[in-house]
Amino acid sequence: RHIQWMLDFKHSLGAHYAAGHSSEQALLKTQIELAELKRKQLALDEHLRIIKYQINTLLHQPLETPLAPAPKHLAPPPKINFPTHQSHASPHEHPAIAAAAYTLKAARSTLHFSQRNYYPDFHFNAAYNAMWPEMEHRFMLGFAINIPLQLYSRNAMVQEAKANLAAAQANLHNNIDDIRLQQAACRAKLANARAILKLYQTDILPAATSQRKAAQIGYEAGRQNLTHLLDTELAFNKIQLQYHRAQNDIWRHYAKLRFAYALPLPSSASEDNPS
């Protein structure tokens, strides 16, 4: 849209230059700005192509598979009433904490097994051998006892198991703290992104639109020069780009927040219980 505006403006300026009402410097500046916009458009097309490849890779599809068209208007995601307490940071809720809890359970079992190696091991067995001609020799009962004499190696196994248990306990606590911090940070970033988007909608974008209209009217009335008009148009285009990025930031932080709570993305906005 901005490129089309520059093309129309260049055509109008060319007519003014042919009639002797504009300078060649102004026409050249417009051509340079238009070429720069086309360069940015090429970079954006390349970026979108790479994003399409990444999405198709995640979906296990051929890289050139067409994607669904993007929505014309990107509405912000609904608000979610996440609990302020960390009920999600429990072994039964978050996969990362559950994995750490099972690792801790395995470390405790290993320590228990290592400590049992200090006790004697008893073996009983019974057998029947029909090769003996005497009946009383065919039945056999056996008993064996394994006395642990290698105490140094067994003590080393116990110490290693205790160290692994302590490491597993520390890992579980670190995971819980990391999840709590990640959840709190994601909630704060999402709230900040919503506030920034609202600021663009209520203050920045309307002011930039009014400034753009005033620059166009001033240029047509001869009160403003071409440089001021182009600078105003470029500033307006930059603000529009920042506004769309603010919309994108909300969805990005929204996805990170659901990931921090180990929640899948909803198939529809109604699943989120907006507040």
C-alpha atoms as a PDB file:
ATOM      1  CA  ARG A   1       0.000   0.000   0.000  1.00  0.00           C
ATOM      2  CA  HIS A   2       2.822   2.383   0.789  1.00  0.00           C
ATOM      3  CA  ILE A   3       4.573   1.461  -2.466  1.00  0.00           C
ATOM      4  CA  GLN A   4       1.386   2.231  -4.376  1.00  0.00           C
ATOM      5  CA  TRP A   5       1.208   5.614  -2.650  1.00  0.00           C
ATOM      6  CA  MET A   6       4.785   6.329  -3.668  1.00  0.00           C
ATOM      7  CA  LEU A   7       4.068   5.301  -7.271  1.00  0.00           C
ATOM      8  CA  ASP A   8       1.057   7.620  -7.440  1.00  0.00           C
ATOM      9  CA  PHE A   9       3.040  10.424  -5.846  1.00  0.00           C
ATOM     10  CA  LYS A  10       5.918   9.886  -8.270  1.00  0.00           C
ATOM     11  CA  HIS A  11       3.531  10.052 -11.223  1.00  0.00           C
ATOM     12  CA  SER A  12       2.022  13.290  -9.904  1.00  0.00           C
ATOM     13  CA  LEU A  13       5.453  14.724  -9.184  1.00  0.00           C
ATOM     14  CA  GLY A  14       6.594  13.797 -12.671  1.00  0.00           C
ATOM     15  CA  ALA A  15       3.743  15.788 -14.107  1.00  0.00           C
ATOM     16  CA  HIS A  16       4.687  18.756 -11.921  1.00  0.00           C
ATOM     17  CA  TYR A  17       8.316  18.434 -13.015  1.00  0.00           C
ATOM     18  CA  ALA A  18       7.343  18.350 -16.679  1.00  0.00           C
ATOM     19  CA  ALA A  19       5.290  21.502 -16.170  1.00  0.00           C
ATOM     20  CA  GLY A  20       8.197  23.173 -14.390  1.00  0.00           C
ATOM     21  CA  HIS A  21       6.505  23.288 -10.976  1.00  0.00           C
ATOM     22  CA  SER A  22       8.896  20.870  -9.232  1.00  0.00           C
ATOM     23  CA  SER A  23      12.639  20.357  -9.127  1.00  0.00           C
ATOM     24  CA  GLU A  24      14.633  17.437 -10.412  1.00  0.00           C
ATOM     25  CA  GLN A  25      16.024  16.952  -6.899  1.00  0.00           C
ATOM     26  CA  ALA A  26      12.539  16.213  -5.585  1.00  0.00           C
ATOM     27  CA  LEU A  27      11.883  13.700  -8.350  1.00  0.00           C
ATOM     28  CA  LEU A  28      15.183  11.908  -7.698  1.00  0.00           C
ATOM     29  CA  LYS A  29      14.480  11.740  -3.961  1.00  0.00           C
ATOM     30  CA  THR A  30      11.128  10.149  -4.673  1.00  0.00           C
ATOM     31  CA  GLN A  31      12.758   7.568  -6.954  1.00  0.00           C
ATOM     32  CA  ILE A  32      15.331   6.710  -4.283  1.00  0.00           C
ATOM     33  CA  GLU A  33      12.660   6.271  -1.612  1.00  0.00           C
ATOM     34  CA  LEU A  34      10.603   4.103  -3.978  1.00  0.00           C
ATOM     35  CA  ALA A  35      13.614   1.905  -4.751  1.00  0.00           C
ATOM     36  CA  GLU A  36      14.282   1.518  -1.022  1.00  0.00           C
ATOM     37  CA  LEU A  37      10.683   0.432  -0.447  1.00  0.00           C
ATOM     38  CA  LYS A  38      10.985  -2.163  -3.214  1.00  0.00           C
ATOM     39  CA  ARG A  39      14.168  -3.474  -1.589  1.00  0.00           C
ATOM     40  CA  LYS A  40      12.340  -3.845   1.719  1.00  0.00           C
ATOM     41  CA  GLN A  41       9.509  -5.616  -0.095  1.00  0.00           C
ATOM     42  CA  LEU A  42      11.967  -8.151  -1.545  1.00  0.00           C
ATOM     43  CA  ALA A  43      13.461  -8.760   1.897  1.00  0.00           C
ATOM     44  CA  LEU A  44       9.965  -9.219   3.328  1.00  0.00           C
ATOM     45  CA  ASP A  45       9.041 -11.706   0.579  1.00  0.00           C
ATOM     46  CA  GLU A  46      12.170 -13.715   1.346  1.00  0.00           C
ATOM     47  CA  HIS A  47      11.343 -13.681   5.067  1.00  0.00           C
ATOM     48  CA  LEU A  48       7.795 -14.889   4.397  1.00  0.00           C
ATOM     49  CA  ARG A  49       9.111 -17.662   2.169  1.00  0.00           C
ATOM     50  CA  ILE A  50      11.436 -18.886   4.924  1.00  0.00           C
ATOM     51  CA  ILE A  51       8.578 -18.781   7.436  1.00  0.00           C
ATOM     52  CA  LYS A  52       6.469 -20.907   5.076  1.00  0.00           C
ATOM     53  CA  TYR A  53       9.289 -23.459   4.881  1.00  0.00           C
ATOM     54  CA  GLN A  54       9.559 -23.515   8.684  1.00  0.00           C
ATOM     55  CA  ILE A  55       5.820 -24.020   9.155  1.00  0.00           C
ATOM     56  CA  ASN A  56       5.696 -26.815   6.565  1.00  0.00           C
ATOM     57  CA  THR A  57       8.687 -28.454   8.252  1.00  0.00           C
ATOM     58  CA  LEU A  58       6.868 -28.412  11.602  1.00  0.00           C
ATOM     59  CA  LEU A  59       3.803 -29.915   9.892  1.00  0.00           C
ATOM     60  CA  HIS A  60       5.941 -32.563   8.118  1.00  0.00           C
ATOM     61  CA  GLN A  61       4.763 -31.321   4.736  1.00  0.00           C
ATOM     62  CA  PRO A  62       6.667 -30.540   1.517  1.00  0.00           C
ATOM     63  CA  LEU A  63       8.322 -27.139   1.790  1.00  0.00           C
ATOM     64  CA  GLU A  64       6.351 -25.631  -1.091  1.00  0.00           C
ATOM     65  CA  THR A  65       2.942 -26.674   0.256  1.00  0.00           C
ATOM     66  CA  PRO A  66       0.655 -23.596   0.153  1.00  0.00           C
ATOM     67  CA  LEU A  67      -0.447 -22.351   3.553  1.00  0.00           C
ATOM     68  CA  ALA A  68      -3.860 -21.059   4.531  1.00  0.00           C
ATOM     69  CA  PRO A  69      -4.262 -17.345   3.785  1.00  0.00           C
ATOM     70  CA  ALA A  70      -3.518 -15.028   6.666  1.00  0.00           C
ATOM     71  CA  PRO A  71      -6.468 -13.181   8.219  1.00  0.00           C
ATOM     72  CA  LYS A  72      -7.031  -9.653   6.993  1.00  0.00           C
ATOM     73  CA  HIS A  73      -7.526  -8.404  10.536  1.00  0.00           C
ATOM     74  CA  LEU A  74      -5.572  -9.983  13.395  1.00  0.00           C
ATOM     75  CA  ALA A  75      -7.664  -9.708  16.526  1.00  0.00           C
ATOM     76  CA  PRO A  76      -5.859  -9.934  19.884  1.00  0.00           C
ATOM     77  CA  PRO A  77      -6.245 -13.198  21.810  1.00  0.00           C
ATOM     78  CA  PRO A  78      -8.742 -13.299  24.650  1.00  0.00           C
ATOM     79  CA  LYS A  79      -7.641 -12.743  28.218  1.00  0.00           C
ATOM     80  CA  ILE A  80      -7.123 -15.812  30.369  1.00  0.00           C
ATOM     81  CA  ASN A  81      -7.630 -16.050  34.114  1.00  0.00           C
ATOM     82  CA  PHE A  82      -4.439 -17.858  35.014  1.00  0.00           C
ATOM     83  CA  PRO A  83      -4.054 -18.584  38.735  1.00  0.00           C
ATOM     84  CA  THR A  84      -1.655 -16.322  40.579  1.00  0.00           C
ATOM     85  CA  HIS A  85      -0.516 -19.243  42.748  1.00  0.00           C
ATOM     86  CA  GLN A  86       1.711 -21.859  41.186  1.00  0.00           C
ATOM     87  CA  SER A  87      -0.685 -24.804  41.061  1.00  0.00           C
ATOM     88  CA  HIS A  88       0.614 -25.575  37.574  1.00  0.00           C
ATOM     89  CA  ALA A  89       4.163 -25.910  38.891  1.00  0.00           C
ATOM     90  CA  SER A  90       3.485 -29.348  40.380  1.00  0.00           C
ATOM     91  CA  PRO A  91       4.603 -32.808  39.253  1.00  0.00           C
ATOM     92  CA  HIS A  92       1.054 -33.600  38.129  1.00  0.00           C
ATOM     93  CA  GLU A  93       0.638 -30.520  35.934  1.00  0.00           C
ATOM     94  CA  HIS A  94       3.813 -29.519  34.096  1.00  0.00           C
ATOM     95  CA  PRO A  95       5.687 -32.121  31.982  1.00  0.00           C
ATOM     96  CA  ALA A  96       9.129 -30.738  32.806  1.00  0.00           C
ATOM     97  CA  ILE A  97       8.460 -30.949  36.555  1.00  0.00           C
ATOM     98  CA  ALA A  98       6.874 -34.385  36.199  1.00  0.00           C
ATOM     99  CA  ALA A  99       9.999 -35.626  34.398  1.00  0.00           C
ATOM    100  CA  ALA A 100      12.223 -34.215  37.154  1.00  0.00           C
ATOM    101  CA  ALA A 101      10.010 -35.835  39.807  1.00  0.00           C
ATOM    102  CA  TYR A 102      10.296 -39.257  38.139  1.00  0.00           C
ATOM    103  CA  THR A 103      14.065 -38.794  37.922  1.00  0.00           C
ATOM    104  CA  LEU A 104      14.085 -38.110  41.659  1.00  0.00           C
ATOM    105  CA  LYS A 105      12.004 -41.223  42.273  1.00  0.00           C
ATOM    106  CA  ALA A 106      14.472 -43.311  40.242  1.00  0.00           C
ATOM    107  CA  ALA A 107      17.400 -41.863  42.218  1.00  0.00           C
ATOM    108  CA  ARG A 108      15.732 -42.848  45.494  1.00  0.00           C
ATOM    109  CA  SER A 109      15.180 -46.381  44.227  1.00  0.00           C
ATOM    110  CA  THR A 110      18.828 -46.617  43.181  1.00  0.00           C
ATOM    111  CA  LEU A 111      19.959 -45.480  46.645  1.00  0.00           C
ATOM    112  CA  HIS A 112      17.676 -48.007  48.312  1.00  0.00           C
ATOM    113  CA  PHE A 113      19.059 -50.781  46.102  1.00  0.00           C
ATOM    114  CA  SER A 114      22.657 -49.725  46.853  1.00  0.00           C
ATOM    115  CA  GLN A 115      21.993 -49.791  50.599  1.00  0.00           C
ATOM    116  CA  ARG A 116      20.508 -53.295  50.364  1.00  0.00           C
ATOM    117  CA  ASN A 117      23.785 -54.582  48.932  1.00  0.00           C
ATOM    118  CA  TYR A 118      25.229 -54.459  52.469  1.00  0.00           C
ATOM    119  CA  TYR A 119      22.925 -57.288  53.583  1.00  0.00           C
ATOM    120  CA  PRO A 120      23.726 -60.966  52.986  1.00  0.00           C
ATOM    121  CA  ASP A 121      22.009 -62.546  50.030  1.00  0.00           C
ATOM    122  CA  PHE A 122      20.280 -65.914  50.583  1.00  0.00           C
ATOM    123  CA  HIS A 123      19.505 -68.428  47.834  1.00  0.00           C
ATOM    124  CA  PHE A 124      17.337 -71.543  48.060  1.00  0.00           C
ATOM    125  CA  ASN A 125      16.902 -74.082  45.318  1.00  0.00           C
ATOM    126  CA  ALA A 126      15.267 -77.479  44.774  1.00  0.00           C
ATOM    127  CA  ALA A 127      15.845 -80.018  42.008  1.00  0.00           C
ATOM    128  CA  TYR A 128      14.837 -83.504  40.891  1.00  0.00           C
ATOM    129  CA  ASN A 129      17.202 -85.737  38.900  1.00  0.00           C
ATOM    130  CA  ALA A 130      15.810 -89.023  37.539  1.00  0.00           C
ATOM    131  CA  MET A 131      19.282 -90.219  36.522  1.00  0.00           C
ATOM    132  CA  TRP A 132      19.993 -91.455  40.039  1.00  0.00           C
ATOM    133  CA  PRO A 133      18.883 -95.052  40.635  1.00  0.00           C
ATOM    134  CA  GLU A 134      18.189 -94.459  44.296  1.00  0.00           C
ATOM    135  CA  MET A 135      15.019 -92.576  45.001  1.00  0.00           C
ATOM    136  CA  GLU A 136      16.524 -90.700  47.938  1.00  0.00           C
ATOM    137  CA  HIS A 137      19.204 -89.214  45.654  1.00  0.00           C
ATOM    138  CA  ARG A 138      16.802 -87.857  43.078  1.00  0.00           C
ATOM    139  CA  PHE A 139      15.519 -85.030  45.269  1.00  0.00           C
ATOM    140  CA  MET A 140      17.928 -82.246  46.094  1.00  0.00           C
ATOM    141  CA  LEU A 141      17.588 -79.153  48.242  1.00  0.00           C
ATOM    142  CA  GLY A 142      20.185 -76.386  48.272  1.00  0.00           C
ATOM    143  CA  PHE A 143      20.971 -73.359  50.348  1.00  0.00           C
ATOM    144  CA  ALA A 144      23.563 -70.608  49.680  1.00  0.00           C
ATOM    145  CA  ILE A 145      24.490 -67.394  51.356  1.00  0.00           C
ATOM    146  CA  ASN A 146      26.429 -64.524  49.796  1.00  0.00           C
ATOM    147  CA  ILE A 147      28.255 -62.492  52.445  1.00  0.00           C
ATOM    148  CA  PRO A 148      29.227 -58.957  51.288  1.00  0.00           C
ATOM    149  CA  LEU A 149      32.921 -58.600  51.950  1.00  0.00           C
ATOM    150  CA  GLN A 150      33.789 -55.918  49.376  1.00  0.00           C
ATOM    151  CA  LEU A 151      32.579 -53.057  51.540  1.00  0.00           C
ATOM    152  CA  TYR A 152      34.684 -50.398  49.796  1.00  0.00           C
ATOM    153  CA  SER A 153      32.969 -50.836  46.438  1.00  0.00           C
ATOM    154  CA  ARG A 154      29.549 -51.037  48.051  1.00  0.00           C
ATOM    155  CA  ASN A 155      30.197 -47.864  50.032  1.00  0.00           C
ATOM    156  CA  ALA A 156      31.233 -46.115  46.806  1.00  0.00           C
ATOM    157  CA  MET A 157      27.961 -47.179  45.171  1.00  0.00           C
ATOM    158  CA  VAL A 158      25.980 -45.787  48.102  1.00  0.00           C
ATOM    159  CA  GLN A 159      27.844 -42.482  48.030  1.00  0.00           C
ATOM    160  CA  GLU A 160      27.299 -42.183  44.293  1.00  0.00           C
ATOM    161  CA  ALA A 161      23.589 -42.923  44.710  1.00  0.00           C
ATOM    162  CA  LYS A 162      23.333 -40.266  47.447  1.00  0.00           C
ATOM    163  CA  ALA A 163      25.037 -37.716  45.220  1.00  0.00           C
ATOM    164  CA  ASN A 164      22.677 -38.548  42.339  1.00  0.00           C
ATOM    165  CA  LEU A 165      19.727 -38.231  44.701  1.00  0.00           C
ATOM    166  CA  ALA A 166      20.862 -34.802  45.871  1.00  0.00           C
ATOM    167  CA  ALA A 167      21.372 -33.708  42.264  1.00  0.00           C
ATOM    168  CA  ALA A 168      17.882 -34.942  41.329  1.00  0.00           C
ATOM    169  CA  GLN A 169      16.345 -33.072  44.279  1.00  0.00           C
ATOM    170  CA  ALA A 170      18.175 -29.868  43.310  1.00  0.00           C
ATOM    171  CA  ASN A 171      17.106 -30.329  39.689  1.00  0.00           C
ATOM    172  CA  LEU A 172      13.459 -30.673  40.712  1.00  0.00           C
ATOM    173  CA  HIS A 173      13.572 -27.520  42.845  1.00  0.00           C
ATOM    174  CA  ASN A 174      15.360 -25.620  40.071  1.00  0.00           C
ATOM    175  CA  ASN A 175      12.747 -26.706  37.542  1.00  0.00           C
ATOM    176  CA  ILE A 176       9.938 -25.576  39.827  1.00  0.00           C
ATOM    177  CA  ASP A 177      11.604 -22.193  40.327  1.00  0.00           C
ATOM    178  CA  ASP A 178      12.276 -21.830  36.590  1.00  0.00           C
ATOM    179  CA  ILE A 179       8.672 -22.670  35.703  1.00  0.00           C
ATOM    180  CA  ARG A 180       7.342 -20.191  38.261  1.00  0.00           C
ATOM    181  CA  LEU A 181       9.655 -17.472  36.937  1.00  0.00           C
ATOM    182  CA  GLN A 182       8.763 -18.274  33.341  1.00  0.00           C
ATOM    183  CA  GLN A 183       5.031 -18.157  34.089  1.00  0.00           C
ATOM    184  CA  ALA A 184       5.303 -14.830  35.917  1.00  0.00           C
ATOM    185  CA  ALA A 185       7.498 -13.310  33.192  1.00  0.00           C
ATOM    186  CA  CYS A 186       5.142 -14.461  30.427  1.00  0.00           C
ATOM    187  CA  ARG A 187       2.127 -13.007  32.218  1.00  0.00           C
ATOM    188  CA  ALA A 188       3.938  -9.675  32.626  1.00  0.00           C
ATOM    189  CA  LYS A 189       5.073  -9.603  28.987  1.00  0.00           C
ATOM    190  CA  LEU A 190       1.593 -10.392  27.711  1.00  0.00           C
ATOM    191  CA  ALA A 191       0.066  -7.644  29.857  1.00  0.00           C
ATOM    192  CA  ASN A 192       2.702  -5.201  28.615  1.00  0.00           C
ATOM    193  CA  ALA A 193       2.064  -6.199  24.991  1.00  0.00           C
ATOM    194  CA  ARG A 194      -1.664  -5.566  25.439  1.00  0.00           C
ATOM    195  CA  ALA A 195      -0.941  -2.138  26.930  1.00  0.00           C
ATOM    196  CA  ILE A 196       1.396  -1.239  24.053  1.00  0.00           C
ATOM    197  CA  LEU A 197      -1.178  -2.273  21.453  1.00  0.00           C
ATOM    198  CA  LYS A 198      -3.846  -0.190  23.181  1.00  0.00           C
ATOM    199  CA  LEU A 199      -1.461   2.781  23.189  1.00  0.00           C
ATOM    200  CA  TYR A 200      -0.973   2.446  19.443  1.00  0.00           C
ATOM    201  CA  GLN A 201      -4.733   2.172  18.852  1.00  0.00           C
ATOM    202  CA  THR A 202      -5.765   5.111  21.035  1.00  0.00           C
ATOM    203  CA  ASP A 203      -2.853   7.558  20.763  1.00  0.00           C
ATOM    204  CA  ILE A 204       0.033   6.838  18.409  1.00  0.00           C
ATOM    205  CA  LEU A 205      -1.762   5.646  15.264  1.00  0.00           C
ATOM    206  CA  PRO A 206      -4.474   8.354  15.284  1.00  0.00           C
ATOM    207  CA  ALA A 207      -1.851  11.054  15.856  1.00  0.00           C
ATOM    208  CA  ALA A 208       0.313   9.711  13.021  1.00  0.00           C
ATOM    209  CA  THR A 209      -2.714   9.611  10.699  1.00  0.00           C
ATOM    210  CA  SER A 210      -3.571  13.230  11.499  1.00  0.00           C
ATOM    211  CA  GLN A 211       0.043  14.261  10.993  1.00  0.00           C
ATOM    212  CA  ARG A 212       0.086  12.521   7.612  1.00  0.00           C
ATOM    213  CA  LYS A 213      -3.086  14.277   6.466  1.00  0.00           C
ATOM    214  CA  ALA A 214      -1.758  17.640   7.648  1.00  0.00           C
ATOM    215  CA  ALA A 215       1.482  17.113   5.714  1.00  0.00           C
ATOM    216  CA  GLN A 216      -0.417  16.266   2.527  1.00  0.00           C
ATOM    217  CA  ILE A 217      -2.655  19.319   2.874  1.00  0.00           C
ATOM    218  CA  GLY A 218       0.334  21.535   3.629  1.00  0.00           C
ATOM    219  CA  TYR A 219       2.241  20.249   0.599  1.00  0.00           C
ATOM    220  CA  GLU A 220      -0.734  20.731  -1.729  1.00  0.00           C
ATOM    221  CA  ALA A 221      -1.225  24.251  -0.365  1.00  0.00           C
ATOM    222  CA  GLY A 222       2.459  25.037  -0.835  1.00  0.00           C
ATOM    223  CA  ARG A 223       3.196  25.507   2.870  1.00  0.00           C
ATOM    224  CA  GLN A 224       5.357  22.371   3.183  1.00  0.00           C
ATOM    225  CA  ASN A 225       8.161  21.113   0.964  1.00  0.00           C
ATOM    226  CA  LEU A 226       8.565  17.652  -0.527  1.00  0.00           C
ATOM    227  CA  THR A 227      11.132  16.536   2.051  1.00  0.00           C
ATOM    228  CA  HIS A 228       8.699  17.137   4.892  1.00  0.00           C
ATOM    229  CA  LEU A 229       5.960  15.223   3.077  1.00  0.00           C
ATOM    230  CA  LEU A 230       8.199  12.222   2.376  1.00  0.00           C
ATOM    231  CA  ASP A 231       9.553  12.169   5.917  1.00  0.00           C
ATOM    232  CA  THR A 232       6.019  12.247   7.276  1.00  0.00           C
ATOM    233  CA  GLU A 233       4.946   9.416   4.982  1.00  0.00           C
ATOM    234  CA  LEU A 234       7.948   7.299   5.935  1.00  0.00           C
ATOM    235  CA  ALA A 235       7.292   7.957   9.630  1.00  0.00           C
ATOM    236  CA  PHE A 236       3.652   6.957   9.180  1.00  0.00           C
ATOM    237  CA  ASN A 237       4.677   3.753   7.407  1.00  0.00           C
ATOM    238  CA  LYS A 238       7.112   2.968  10.236  1.00  0.00           C
ATOM    239  CA  ILE A 239       4.412   3.481  12.860  1.00  0.00           C
ATOM    240  CA  GLN A 240       2.033   1.220  10.955  1.00  0.00           C
ATOM    241  CA  LEU A 241       4.720  -1.463  10.840  1.00  0.00           C
ATOM    242  CA  GLN A 242       5.295  -1.115  14.588  1.00  0.00           C
ATOM    243  CA  TYR A 243       1.545  -1.375  15.155  1.00  0.00           C
ATOM    244  CA  HIS A 244       1.376  -4.683  13.256  1.00  0.00           C
ATOM    245  CA  ARG A 245       4.390  -5.923  15.180  1.00  0.00           C
ATOM    246  CA  ALA A 246       2.598  -5.027  18.415  1.00  0.00           C
ATOM    247  CA  GLN A 247      -0.303  -7.211  17.287  1.00  0.00           C
ATOM    248  CA  ASN A 248       2.116 -10.015  16.522  1.00  0.00           C
ATOM    249  CA  ASP A 249       3.852  -9.599  19.901  1.00  0.00           C
ATOM    250  CA  ILE A 250       0.587 -10.249  21.719  1.00  0.00           C
ATOM    251  CA  TRP A 251       0.082 -13.589  19.993  1.00  0.00           C
ATOM    252  CA  ARG A 252       3.751 -14.491  20.469  1.00  0.00           C
ATOM    253  CA  HIS A 253       3.642 -13.832  24.226  1.00  0.00           C
ATOM    254  CA  TYR A 254       0.240 -15.509  24.404  1.00  0.00           C
ATOM    255  CA  ALA A 255       1.698 -18.710  22.911  1.00  0.00           C
ATOM    256  CA  LYS A 256       4.693 -18.529  25.268  1.00  0.00           C
ATOM    257  CA  LEU A 257       2.341 -18.130  28.222  1.00  0.00           C
ATOM    258  CA  ARG A 258       0.358 -21.217  27.323  1.00  0.00           C
ATOM    259  CA  PHE A 259       3.625 -23.102  26.825  1.00  0.00           C
ATOM    260  CA  ALA A 260       4.806 -22.003  30.274  1.00  0.00           C
ATOM    261  CA  TYR A 261       1.611 -23.460  31.746  1.00  0.00           C
ATOM    262  CA  ALA A 262       1.895 -26.590  29.556  1.00  0.00           C
ATOM    263  CA  LEU A 263      -1.426 -25.819  27.905  1.00  0.00           C
ATOM    264  CA  PRO A 264      -2.122 -26.545  24.221  1.00  0.00           C
ATOM    265  CA  LEU A 265      -3.204 -23.739  21.943  1.00  0.00           C
ATOM    266  CA  PRO A 266      -7.003 -23.634  21.699  1.00  0.00           C
ATOM    267  CA  SER A 267      -8.740 -24.470  18.442  1.00  0.00           C
ATOM    268  CA  SER A 268     -11.059 -21.499  18.995  1.00  0.00           C
ATOM    269  CA  ALA A 269     -11.050 -18.372  21.124  1.00  0.00           C
ATOM    270  CA  SER A 270     -14.103 -19.571  23.065  1.00  0.00           C
ATOM    271  CA  GLU A 271     -12.025 -22.269  24.771  1.00  0.00           C
ATOM    272  CA  ASP A 272     -10.032 -19.679  26.683  1.00  0.00           C
ATOM    273  CA  ASN A 273     -12.801 -18.325  28.937  1.00  0.00           C
ATOM    274  CA  PRO A 274     -12.004 -14.666  28.169  1.00  0.00           C
ATOM    275  CA  SER A 275     -12.355 -12.271  31.037  1.00  0.00           C
END
